[in-house]
Amino acid sequence: MKLSQIFRSKTGNRHMQFKMGIISSMLFIASLLLLPLLGNKYHLHIAILSMIYIYPALGLNLIFGYTGMLSLAQGAFFGVGAYTTALLAIHYGWPFWLTFVSSGVFCAVISLLLAIPALRLRSYSFVMCTLGLVVIGEAVSKNWVSLTRGDMGISGVPRPVLSLWGPGFVVSQVVHYYYFVLMFAILGVFLFYWVVSSPAGRCMRAIRDEETLAESQGVYVWAYKLNIFALSAIYAGLGGSIYVLYMTIVSPLIFQMYHTLLFLIIVFAGGAGTVGGVVLGAFLFVAIPETLRITPDLRMIIYGLLFIFLAFRMPNGLGPFLVRIGESFFSSQPKR
């Protein structure tokens, strides 16, 4: 009797979480679709950047939140994806779709070259190795002037053209970019959820929770880590591609630690190992610094105090906290 009660309780919790996820996702997507009618161009700009940063943040969440490996290379892959799109579009005239896909593929190749030796390292050594890629990326972008134009950067990246046949539609206005990026953000989140909900996702969580036990049960740990590292790099590279298509300029500043730290903040404060928490974190932790610009002297102090508050009150991030609130709300509703 007790076992059946436990089973029903777990099944009910999963059903409740699924119901909460569907309702919150529909409301969130509906609010994003209506944002251009309610906000101005500045609000749309912040929303566009937030949706772009969802991609590298999801990649970091995949490798850390679901597999348990802390990588600082997302900022490097983000920059590599941006430079790849800019160079292919300007020097070779490649269309949007080819540059977009090529950025992800090129980042995957680089990630595999790094991961083959790096995944044999443990803990802090692996973290330092991935950080080294960010340093290399910044050095190359600054010093390979004949290719990257150094500190001057690459400007005039062509606007994306959406076309199946004929001249196509040029994405030029802010509202156009908003729906363009929103389309890719929804697709990226859907694919991420599909991966982590698959049997491969269960193997990833097993590696995160107890690597030795997972390997003893037949999980090929090294191969999973290699593939996940490459997939996380693809996410970051695709995010960098969309970023440069929106900004139309890229420089070595993209390799600075700002982006790496921002991705870490989004994942840790949003909720590592969750989907909705990271998506919400991308919007919050891009919008909050912009909102605090009204108090430039106290901006970073308030921002830092916010993280201290989150560390004490929500150590697992916003995602699990909101799930608990939702569960208490739905459980308090009268049953029919």
Foldseek 3Di string as FASTA:
>chain_A
DVVVVVVVVVVVLVVLLVVVVVVVVVVVVVCLVCVVVPDDLVVLVLLLQLLLLLLLLLLQLLLPLQQNDHALQLLLLLQQLQLQLQQCCPVVVDALVVSLQVSLVVLLVVLLVQLVVLVVDDDPSSHVSRLVSLVVSLVCLQPVCVRQVHQVFGAQRAAHFDDPDDPGHGQDDSVSLSVVSVVVSVVSLVVSVVCLPDPLVVLSNVNNVPVVVSVVVPDPSSVSSSVSSSSSSSSSSSSSSSVCSVVRTDGSVSSDCPSSVLSVQLQQQQARNDRRSSSVSSSCSSVQLVVLVVPVVCSVVVVVVVVVCCCVPPRRHDVVVVSVVSVVVVVPDDDD
